[in-house]
């Protein structure tokens, strides 16, 4: 299963979130720090996908868990 949402971060803490290879969100400062902490604590790839989906707003309403 390929991921539709992905993320990358820079050395200075900026996080880029991509949806189908298009940049949809940029996180900076505290928001980026909190996001990275959640990603590190995520149990598996599915959990990471859900975190990214929630922050971008790209997920099926009512079907999400957590």
PDB file of N, CA and C in Angstrom:
ATOM      1  N   UNK A   1       0.838  -1.182   0.000  1.00  0.00           N
ATOM      2  CA  UNK A   1       0.000   0.000   0.000  1.00  0.00           C
ATOM      3  C   UNK A   1       0.881   1.242   0.000  1.00  0.00           C
ATOM      4  N   UNK A   2       0.705   2.099  -0.954  1.00  0.00           N
ATOM      5  CA  UNK A   2       1.489   3.328  -0.998  1.00  0.00           C
ATOM      6  C   UNK A   2       0.768   4.428  -0.237  1.00  0.00           C
ATOM      7  N   UNK A   3       1.539   5.269   0.382  1.00  0.00           N
ATOM      8  CA  UNK A   3       0.990   6.370   1.160  1.00  0.00           C
ATOM      9  C   UNK A   3       0.595   7.514   0.253  1.00  0.00           C
ATOM     10  N   UNK A   4      -0.567   8.077   0.510  1.00  0.00           N
ATOM     11  CA  UNK A   4      -1.005   9.237  -0.256  1.00  0.00           C
ATOM     12  C   UNK A   4      -0.536  10.524   0.401  1.00  0.00           C
ATOM     13  N   UNK A   5      -0.229  10.441   1.693  1.00  0.00           N
ATOM     14  CA  UNK A   5       0.246  11.607   2.426  1.00  0.00           C
ATOM     15  C   UNK A   5       1.654  11.312   2.915  1.00  0.00           C
ATOM     16  N   UNK A   6       2.555  12.277   2.733  1.00  0.00           N
ATOM     17  CA  UNK A   6       3.926  12.109   3.199  1.00  0.00           C
ATOM     18  C   UNK A   6       4.406  13.423   3.804  1.00  0.00           C
ATOM     19  N   UNK A   7       5.515  13.348   4.528  1.00  0.00           N
ATOM     20  CA  UNK A   7       6.059  14.568   5.116  1.00  0.00           C
ATOM     21  C   UNK A   7       7.578  14.532   5.091  1.00  0.00           C
ATOM     22  N   UNK A   8       8.153  15.713   5.165  1.00  0.00           N
ATOM     23  CA  UNK A   8       9.595  15.853   5.276  1.00  0.00           C
ATOM     24  C   UNK A   8       9.876  17.076   6.137  1.00  0.00           C
ATOM     25  N   UNK A   9      11.040  17.085   6.769  1.00  0.00           N
ATOM     26  CA  UNK A   9      11.383  18.231   7.610  1.00  0.00           C
ATOM     27  C   UNK A   9      12.788  18.720   7.274  1.00  0.00           C
ATOM     28  N   UNK A  10      13.008  19.995   7.570  1.00  0.00           N
ATOM     29  CA  UNK A  10      14.309  20.602   7.321  1.00  0.00           C
ATOM     30  C   UNK A  10      15.107  20.639   8.620  1.00  0.00           C
ATOM     31  N   UNK A  11      16.373  20.981   8.527  1.00  0.00           N
ATOM     32  CA  UNK A  11      17.238  21.068   9.695  1.00  0.00           C
ATOM     33  C   UNK A  11      16.750  22.121  10.694  1.00  0.00           C
ATOM     34  N   UNK A  12      16.130  23.187  10.181  1.00  0.00           N
ATOM     35  CA  UNK A  12      15.670  24.254  11.078  1.00  0.00           C
ATOM     36  C   UNK A  12      14.230  24.054  11.559  1.00  0.00           C
ATOM     37  N   UNK A  13      13.690  22.837  11.414  1.00  0.00           N
ATOM     38  CA  UNK A  13      12.407  22.497  12.028  1.00  0.00           C
ATOM     39  C   UNK A  13      11.161  22.798  11.235  1.00  0.00           C
ATOM     40  N   UNK A  14      11.272  23.100   9.962  1.00  0.00           N
ATOM     41  CA  UNK A  14      10.091  23.333   9.137  1.00  0.00           C
ATOM     42  C   UNK A  14       9.645  21.985   8.572  1.00  0.00           C
ATOM     43  N   UNK A  15       8.339  21.710   8.657  1.00  0.00           N
ATOM     44  CA  UNK A  15       7.791  20.444   8.179  1.00  0.00           C
ATOM     45  C   UNK A  15       6.899  20.713   6.967  1.00  0.00           C
ATOM     46  N   UNK A  16       7.117  19.953   5.908  1.00  0.00           N
ATOM     47  CA  UNK A  16       6.300  20.038   4.700  1.00  0.00           C
ATOM     48  C   UNK A  16       5.461  18.778   4.601  1.00  0.00           C
ATOM     49  N   UNK A  17       4.151  18.944   4.434  1.00  0.00           N
ATOM     50  CA  UNK A  17       3.265  17.793   4.284  1.00  0.00           C
ATOM     51  C   UNK A  17       2.726  17.801   2.863  1.00  0.00           C
ATOM     52  N   UNK A  18       2.857  16.645   2.212  1.00  0.00           N
ATOM     53  CA  UNK A  18       2.446  16.495   0.812  1.00  0.00           C
ATOM     54  C   UNK A  18       1.295  15.508   0.701  1.00  0.00           C
ATOM     55  N   UNK A  19       0.375  15.804  -0.203  1.00  0.00           N
ATOM     56  CA  UNK A  19      -0.766  14.937  -0.481  1.00  0.00           C
ATOM     57  C   UNK A  19      -0.741  14.645  -1.970  1.00  0.00           C
ATOM     58  N   UNK A  20      -0.556  13.383  -2.338  1.00  0.00           N
ATOM     59  CA  UNK A  20      -0.378  12.989  -3.740  1.00  0.00           C
ATOM     60  C   UNK A  20       0.728  13.809  -4.407  1.00  0.00           C
ATOM     61  N   UNK A  21       1.865  13.938  -3.712  1.00  0.00           N
ATOM     62  CA  UNK A  21       3.085  14.608  -4.207  1.00  0.00           C
ATOM     63  C   UNK A  21       2.925  16.107  -4.408  1.00  0.00           C
ATOM     64  N   UNK A  22       1.871  16.713  -3.855  1.00  0.00           N
ATOM     65  CA  UNK A  22       1.707  18.168  -3.914  1.00  0.00           C
ATOM     66  C   UNK A  22       1.739  18.706  -2.490  1.00  0.00           C
ATOM     67  N   UNK A  23       2.503  19.761  -2.281  1.00  0.00           N
ATOM     68  CA  UNK A  23       2.623  20.354  -0.955  1.00  0.00           C
ATOM     69  C   UNK A  23       1.291  20.971  -0.549  1.00  0.00           C
ATOM     70  N   UNK A  24       0.770  20.552   0.609  1.00  0.00           N
ATOM     71  CA  UNK A  24      -0.519  21.064   1.061  1.00  0.00           C
ATOM     72  C   UNK A  24      -0.438  21.804   2.384  1.00  0.00           C
ATOM     73  N   UNK A  25       0.659  21.615   3.132  1.00  0.00           N
ATOM     74  CA  UNK A  25       0.744  22.257   4.437  1.00  0.00           C
ATOM     75  C   UNK A  25       2.200  22.441   4.826  1.00  0.00           C
ATOM     76  N   UNK A  26       2.484  23.585   5.459  1.00  0.00           N
ATOM     77  CA  UNK A  26       3.811  23.856   6.009  1.00  0.00           C
ATOM     78  C   UNK A  26       3.631  24.149   7.489  1.00  0.00           C
ATOM     79  N   UNK A  27       4.399  23.462   8.320  1.00  0.00           N
ATOM     80  CA  UNK A  27       4.333  23.669   9.761  1.00  0.00           C
ATOM     81  C   UNK A  27       5.643  24.282  10.233  1.00  0.00           C
ATOM     82  N   UNK A  28       5.534  25.265  11.139  1.00  0.00           N
ATOM     83  CA  UNK A  28       6.718  25.928  11.684  1.00  0.00           C
ATOM     84  C   UNK A  28       6.559  26.071  13.185  1.00  0.00           C
ATOM     85  N   UNK A  29       7.652  26.275  13.844  1.00  0.00           N
ATOM     86  CA  UNK A  29       7.646  26.573  15.273  1.00  0.00           C
ATOM     87  C   UNK A  29       7.044  25.476  16.124  1.00  0.00           C
ATOM     88  N   UNK A  30       6.228  25.898  17.095  1.00  0.00           N
ATOM     89  CA  UNK A  30       5.631  24.964  18.052  1.00  0.00           C
ATOM     90  C   UNK A  30       4.752  23.933  17.361  1.00  0.00           C
ATOM     91  N   UNK A  31       4.022  24.360  16.352  1.00  0.00           N
ATOM     92  CA  UNK A  31       3.143  23.430  15.634  1.00  0.00           C
ATOM     93  C   UNK A  31       3.959  22.301  14.996  1.00  0.00           C
ATOM     94  N   UNK A  32       5.092  22.643  14.419  1.00  0.00           N
ATOM     95  CA  UNK A  32       5.969  21.641  13.809  1.00  0.00           C
ATOM     96  C   UNK A  32       6.558  20.719  14.877  1.00  0.00           C
ATOM     97  N   UNK A  33       6.974  21.285  16.011  1.00  0.00           N
ATOM     98  CA  UNK A  33       7.528  20.483  17.100  1.00  0.00           C
ATOM     99  C   UNK A  33       6.510  19.469  17.604  1.00  0.00           C
ATOM    100  N   UNK A  34       5.278  19.910  17.836  1.00  0.00           N
ATOM    101  CA  UNK A  34       4.224  19.023  18.323  1.00  0.00           C
ATOM    102  C   UNK A  34       3.931  17.926  17.302  1.00  0.00           C
ATOM    103  N   UNK A  35       3.896  18.290  16.030  1.00  0.00           N
ATOM    104  CA  UNK A  35       3.642  17.318  14.974  1.00  0.00           C
ATOM    105  C   UNK A  35       4.725  16.245  14.954  1.00  0.00           C
ATOM    106  N   UNK A  36       5.988  16.648  15.022  1.00  0.00           N
ATOM    107  CA  UNK A  36       7.095  15.697  14.988  1.00  0.00           C
ATOM    108  C   UNK A  36       7.082  14.771  16.206  1.00  0.00           C
ATOM    109  N   UNK A  37       6.704  15.298  17.375  1.00  0.00           N
ATOM    110  CA  UNK A  37       6.599  14.462  18.568  1.00  0.00           C
ATOM    111  C   UNK A  37       5.514  13.406  18.386  1.00  0.00           C
ATOM    112  N   UNK A  38       4.375  13.804  17.826  1.00  0.00           N
ATOM    113  CA  UNK A  38       3.290  12.849  17.576  1.00  0.00           C
ATOM    114  C   UNK A  38       3.725  11.777  16.585  1.00  0.00           C
ATOM    115  N   UNK A  39       4.455  12.187  15.559  1.00  0.00           N
ATOM    116  CA  UNK A  39       4.916  11.235  14.553  1.00  0.00           C
ATOM    117  C   UNK A  39       5.895  10.221  15.163  1.00  0.00           C
ATOM    118  N   UNK A  40       6.784  10.686  16.043  1.00  0.00           N
ATOM    119  CA  UNK A  40       7.734   9.789  16.698  1.00  0.00           C
ATOM    120  C   UNK A  40       7.024   8.791  17.609  1.00  0.00           C
ATOM    121  N   UNK A  41       5.935   9.235  18.231  1.00  0.00           N
ATOM    122  CA  UNK A  41       5.201   8.381  19.167  1.00  0.00           C
ATOM    123  C   UNK A  41       4.212   7.450  18.465  1.00  0.00           C
ATOM    124  N   UNK A  42       3.978   7.658  17.182  1.00  0.00           N
ATOM    125  CA  UNK A  42       3.007   6.846  16.448  1.00  0.00           C
ATOM    126  C   UNK A  42       3.426   5.378  16.435  1.00  0.00           C
ATOM    127  N   UNK A  43       2.439   4.514  16.610  1.00  0.00           N
ATOM    128  CA  UNK A  43       2.707   3.075  16.716  1.00  0.00           C
ATOM    129  C   UNK A  43       3.129   2.445  15.394  1.00  0.00           C
ATOM    130  N   UNK A  44       2.535   2.889  14.295  1.00  0.00           N
ATOM    131  CA  UNK A  44       2.830   2.275  13.002  1.00  0.00           C
ATOM    132  C   UNK A  44       2.551   3.266  11.871  1.00  0.00           C
ATOM    133  N   UNK A  45       2.730   2.811  10.639  1.00  0.00           N
ATOM    134  CA  UNK A  45       2.539   3.676   9.471  1.00  0.00           C
ATOM    135  C   UNK A  45       1.097   4.171   9.357  1.00  0.00           C
ATOM    136  N   UNK A  46       0.142   3.329   9.700  1.00  0.00           N
ATOM    137  CA  UNK A  46      -1.272   3.728   9.634  1.00  0.00           C
ATOM    138  C   UNK A  46      -1.553   4.886  10.594  1.00  0.00           C
ATOM    139  N   UNK A  47      -0.973   4.827  11.773  1.00  0.00           N
ATOM    140  CA  UNK A  47      -1.138   5.896  12.758  1.00  0.00           C
ATOM    141  C   UNK A  47      -0.511   7.195  12.251  1.00  0.00           C
ATOM    142  N   UNK A  48       0.652   7.089  11.605  1.00  0.00           N
ATOM    143  CA  UNK A  48       1.310   8.271  11.048  1.00  0.00           C
ATOM    144  C   UNK A  48       0.463   8.892   9.943  1.00  0.00           C
ATOM    145  N   UNK A  49      -0.126   8.039   9.101  1.00  0.00           N
ATOM    146  CA  UNK A  49      -0.989   8.539   8.028  1.00  0.00           C
ATOM    147  C   UNK A  49      -2.178   9.295   8.610  1.00  0.00           C
ATOM    148  N   UNK A  50      -2.742   8.781   9.685  1.00  0.00           N
ATOM    149  CA  UNK A  50      -3.894   9.422  10.310  1.00  0.00           C
ATOM    150  C   UNK A  50      -3.514  10.775  10.908  1.00  0.00           C
ATOM    151  N   UNK A  51      -2.350  10.860  11.535  1.00  0.00           N
ATOM    152  CA  UNK A  51      -1.877  12.132  12.097  1.00  0.00           C
ATOM    153  C   UNK A  51      -1.733  13.169  10.989  1.00  0.00           C
ATOM    154  N   UNK A  52      -1.104  12.776   9.884  1.00  0.00           N
ATOM    155  CA  UNK A  52      -0.905  13.719   8.762  1.00  0.00           C
ATOM    156  C   UNK A  52      -2.248  14.096   8.136  1.00  0.00           C
ATOM    157  N   UNK A  53      -3.150  13.130   8.023  1.00  0.00           N
ATOM    158  CA  UNK A  53      -4.457  13.408   7.438  1.00  0.00           C
ATOM    159  C   UNK A  53      -5.231  14.404   8.288  1.00  0.00           C
ATOM    160  N   UNK A  54      -5.177  14.227   9.591  1.00  0.00           N
ATOM    161  CA  UNK A  54      -5.915  15.127  10.480  1.00  0.00           C
ATOM    162  C   UNK A  54      -5.383  16.546  10.420  1.00  0.00           C
ATOM    163  N   UNK A  55      -4.080  16.703  10.350  1.00  0.00           N
ATOM    164  CA  UNK A  55      -3.509  18.052  10.344  1.00  0.00           C
ATOM    165  C   UNK A  55      -3.778  18.781   9.026  1.00  0.00           C
ATOM    166  N   UNK A  56      -3.913  18.038   7.942  1.00  0.00           N
ATOM    167  CA  UNK A  56      -4.189  18.668   6.644  1.00  0.00           C
ATOM    168  C   UNK A  56      -5.674  18.788   6.367  1.00  0.00           C
ATOM    169  N   UNK A  57      -6.490  17.988   7.076  1.00  0.00           N
ATOM    170  CA  UNK A  57      -7.927  18.002   6.825  1.00  0.00           C
ATOM    171  C   UNK A  57      -8.325  17.051   5.718  1.00  0.00           C
ATOM    172  N   UNK A  58      -7.385  16.240   5.218  1.00  0.00           N
ATOM    173  CA  UNK A  58      -7.663  15.301   4.131  1.00  0.00           C
ATOM    174  C   UNK A  58      -7.928  13.907   4.676  1.00  0.00           C
ATOM    175  N   UNK A  59      -9.094  13.710   5.238  1.00  0.00           N
ATOM    176  CA  UNK A  59      -9.483  12.377   5.668  1.00  0.00           C
ATOM    177  C   UNK A  59     -10.993  12.274   5.637  1.00  0.00           C
ATOM    178  N   UNK A  60     -11.489  11.074   5.599  1.00  0.00           N
ATOM    179  CA  UNK A  60     -12.937  10.845   5.509  1.00  0.00           C
ATOM    180  C   UNK A  60     -13.585  11.226   6.824  1.00  0.00           C
ATOM    181  N   UNK A  61     -14.497  12.133   6.786  1.00  0.00           N
ATOM    182  CA  UNK A  61     -15.182  12.599   7.990  1.00  0.00           C
ATOM    183  C   UNK A  61     -15.992  11.457   8.597  1.00  0.00           C
ATOM    184  N   UNK A  62     -15.817  11.261   9.911  1.00  0.00           N
ATOM    185  CA  UNK A  62     -16.578  10.259  10.623  1.00  0.00           C
ATOM    186  C   UNK A  62     -15.957   8.880  10.649  1.00  0.00           C
ATOM    187  N   UNK A  63     -14.955   8.616   9.827  1.00  0.00           N
ATOM    188  CA  UNK A  63     -14.345   7.294   9.790  1.00  0.00           C
ATOM    189  C   UNK A  63     -13.046   7.229  10.594  1.00  0.00           C
ATOM    190  N   UNK A  64     -12.561   8.353  11.032  1.00  0.00           N
ATOM    191  CA  UNK A  64     -11.266   8.365  11.716  1.00  0.00           C
ATOM    192  C   UNK A  64     -11.395   7.840  13.135  1.00  0.00           C
ATOM    193  N   UNK A  65     -10.337   7.268  13.629  1.00  0.00           N
ATOM    194  CA  UNK A  65     -10.284   6.762  14.996  1.00  0.00           C
ATOM    195  C   UNK A  65      -9.255   7.588  15.753  1.00  0.00           C
ATOM    196  N   UNK A  66      -9.598   7.919  16.995  1.00  0.00           N
ATOM    197  CA  UNK A  66      -8.624   8.610  17.839  1.00  0.00           C
ATOM    198  C   UNK A  66      -8.718  10.029  17.798  1.00  0.00           C
TER     199      UNK A  66
END
